[in-house]
Amino acid sequence: MNVIPNLIQLFERDLQKLKAEIVQYSEEENIWTIVPEINNSAGNLVLHLVGNLNTYIGAEIGKTGYIRNRPLEFSQTGLSKKELVGKISDTLDVIKESLNTLPEEALEEIYPQLVFEQKTSTGYLLIHLTTHLTYHLGQINYHRRLLDKA
């Protein structure tokens, strides 16, 4: 079984859903609204996901030269729906290009960066990145539905 095409399919599915969530906000300013009990806006979660995926897939696997500014992911505000959707689309392109060059046997190799408390395989990290994306996608969906009903 080739795992990489399945990973690409999962990233594509959920990044397309992420774009749809952002587009569905009825009031664009709500994308940047922080509500009680929810620490991050949808816009900041999008920037976080874009930074995360471009770092661990784009920069490390695809050698894109991307340099992450994690604090900015949580402090920047005011980007439009169009700008956020563009960043998501660009990230999907980077993921496809990067993973399409990755040989299947590389999934068993140790991922070069220490991301967790101990080193993991590249395959493990990529699976983690799909679940991390899905986790924040669910948060964004909840955030949108909470604000759009108000």
Protein backbone atom coordinates (compact mmCIF):
# COMPACT_ATOMS: atom_id res chain seq x y z
CA MET A 1 0.00 0.00 0.00
CA ASN A 2 1.32 3.42 -0.94
CA VAL A 3 0.68 5.76 1.98
CA ILE A 4 1.82 9.05 0.44
CA PRO A 5 -1.08 9.36 -2.04
CA ASN A 6 -3.48 8.78 0.87
CA LEU A 7 -1.78 11.48 2.93
CA ILE A 8 -2.00 13.90 0.01
CA GLN A 9 -5.69 13.05 -0.37
CA LEU A 10 -6.35 13.71 3.34
CA PHE A 11 -4.49 17.03 3.31
CA GLU A 12 -6.34 18.08 0.17
CA ARG A 13 -9.74 17.08 1.57
CA ASP A 14 -9.26 18.95 4.83
CA LEU A 15 -7.58 22.03 3.38
CA GLN A 16 -10.48 22.34 0.92
CA LYS A 17 -12.85 22.07 3.90
CA LEU A 18 -10.80 24.73 5.69
CA LYS A 19 -11.20 27.09 2.74
CA ALA A 20 -14.94 26.41 2.71
CA GLU A 21 -15.19 27.17 6.44
CA ILE A 22 -13.51 30.55 5.98
CA VAL A 23 -15.67 31.44 2.99
CA GLN A 24 -18.83 30.54 4.93
CA TYR A 25 -18.33 33.19 7.62
CA SER A 26 -21.32 35.48 7.13
CA GLU A 27 -19.46 38.46 8.61
CA GLU A 28 -15.83 38.68 7.56
CA GLU A 29 -14.74 40.42 10.76
CA ASN A 30 -15.95 37.38 12.75
CA ILE A 31 -12.98 35.43 11.38
CA TRP A 32 -10.81 37.48 13.75
CA THR A 33 -13.19 37.52 16.72
CA ILE A 34 -12.06 35.93 19.96
CA VAL A 35 -14.95 34.81 22.11
CA PRO A 36 -14.96 33.87 25.81
CA GLU A 37 -13.73 30.33 26.44
CA ILE A 38 -12.09 30.19 22.96
CA ASN A 39 -8.51 31.42 22.96
CA ASN A 40 -7.89 31.81 19.22
CA SER A 41 -9.74 33.30 16.30
CA ALA A 42 -10.35 31.29 13.16
CA GLY A 43 -7.97 33.57 11.28
CA ASN A 44 -5.16 32.88 13.72
CA LEU A 45 -5.82 29.14 13.56
CA VAL A 46 -5.58 29.32 9.76
CA LEU A 47 -2.26 31.16 10.03
CA HIS A 48 -1.08 28.58 12.56
CA LEU A 49 -1.98 25.68 10.26
CA VAL A 50 -0.35 27.37 7.27
CA GLY A 51 2.81 27.97 9.31
CA ASN A 52 2.83 24.47 10.72
CA LEU A 53 2.40 22.70 7.37
CA ASN A 54 4.82 24.96 5.52
CA THR A 55 7.43 24.34 8.21
CA TYR A 56 7.23 20.59 8.64
CA ILE A 57 6.32 19.61 5.08
CA GLY A 58 7.36 22.54 2.90
CA ALA A 59 10.64 23.62 4.49
CA GLU A 60 11.85 20.22 5.70
CA ILE A 61 10.60 17.81 3.05
CA GLY A 62 10.14 20.15 0.08
CA LYS A 63 13.16 22.36 0.86
CA THR A 64 11.11 25.51 0.11
CA GLY A 65 13.13 27.80 2.35
CA TYR A 66 10.04 28.73 4.36
CA ILE A 67 10.89 30.41 7.68
CA ARG A 68 8.22 30.22 10.34
CA ASN A 69 7.20 33.09 12.58
CA ARG A 70 5.01 31.24 15.08
CA PRO A 71 4.27 34.25 17.34
CA LEU A 72 2.90 36.13 14.31
CA GLU A 73 0.52 33.24 13.60
CA PHE A 74 -1.28 34.12 16.83
CA SER A 75 -0.92 37.90 16.79
CA GLN A 76 -1.55 38.93 13.19
CA THR A 77 -5.11 39.99 12.37
CA GLY A 78 -7.15 41.60 9.65
CA LEU A 79 -6.41 39.45 6.61
CA SER A 80 -9.40 39.12 4.29
CA LYS A 81 -11.18 35.88 3.43
CA LYS A 82 -9.51 36.03 0.03
CA GLU A 83 -6.04 36.37 1.56
CA LEU A 84 -6.60 33.49 3.98
CA VAL A 85 -8.00 31.25 1.25
CA GLY A 86 -5.00 32.13 -0.91
CA LYS A 87 -2.61 31.11 1.87
CA ILE A 88 -4.45 27.81 2.28
CA SER A 89 -4.32 27.15 -1.48
CA ASP A 90 -0.62 27.96 -1.61
CA THR A 91 -0.01 25.61 1.32
CA LEU A 92 -1.87 22.80 -0.43
CA ASP A 93 0.31 23.30 -3.50
CA VAL A 94 3.44 23.10 -1.33
CA ILE A 95 2.20 19.90 0.33
CA LYS A 96 1.46 18.22 -3.00
CA GLU A 97 4.79 19.24 -4.52
CA SER A 98 6.73 18.20 -1.42
CA LEU A 99 5.04 14.87 -0.81
CA ASN A 100 5.05 13.92 -4.48
CA THR A 101 8.86 14.00 -4.35
CA LEU A 102 9.06 11.93 -1.17
CA PRO A 103 9.88 8.26 -1.72
CA GLU A 104 7.60 5.87 0.15
CA GLU A 105 10.55 4.37 2.06
CA ALA A 106 11.31 7.81 3.54
CA LEU A 107 8.23 7.41 5.74
CA GLU A 108 10.19 4.86 7.82
CA GLU A 109 13.16 7.19 8.28
CA ILE A 110 13.59 9.42 11.33
CA TYR A 111 12.19 12.91 10.70
CA PRO A 112 15.17 15.31 10.78
CA GLN A 113 13.72 17.81 13.28
CA LEU A 114 12.89 17.15 16.90
CA VAL A 115 9.19 18.07 16.99
CA PHE A 116 8.05 16.19 20.07
CA GLU A 117 9.90 15.03 23.19
CA GLN A 118 11.65 12.39 21.13
CA LYS A 119 12.36 11.88 17.45
CA THR A 120 9.72 10.14 15.34
CA SER A 121 9.53 8.68 11.86
CA THR A 122 8.57 10.92 8.97
CA GLY A 123 5.43 8.82 8.49
CA TYR A 124 4.38 9.33 12.11
CA LEU A 125 4.88 13.09 11.84
CA LEU A 126 2.86 13.30 8.62
CA ILE A 127 0.00 11.36 10.19
CA HIS A 128 0.19 13.69 13.19
CA LEU A 129 -0.01 16.70 10.85
CA THR A 130 -3.22 15.38 9.29
CA THR A 131 -4.83 14.97 12.71
CA HIS A 132 -3.56 18.38 13.86
CA LEU A 133 -5.19 19.92 10.79
CA THR A 134 -8.45 18.11 11.49
CA TYR A 135 -8.41 19.16 15.15
CA HIS A 136 -8.16 22.85 14.29
CA LEU A 137 -10.61 22.47 11.40
CA GLY A 138 -13.20 21.31 13.94
CA GLN A 139 -12.42 24.28 16.17
CA ILE A 140 -12.89 26.66 13.25
CA ASN A 141 -16.19 25.02 12.31
CA TYR A 142 -17.44 25.45 15.89
CA HIS A 143 -16.20 29.06 16.01
CA ARG A 144 -18.00 29.90 12.76
CA ARG A 145 -21.28 28.28 13.79
CA LEU A 146 -21.13 29.94 17.22
CA LEU A 147 -20.63 33.43 15.73
CA ASP A 148 -22.90 33.04 12.73
CA LYS A 149 -25.91 32.17 14.92
CA ALA A 150 -25.48 35.33 17.00
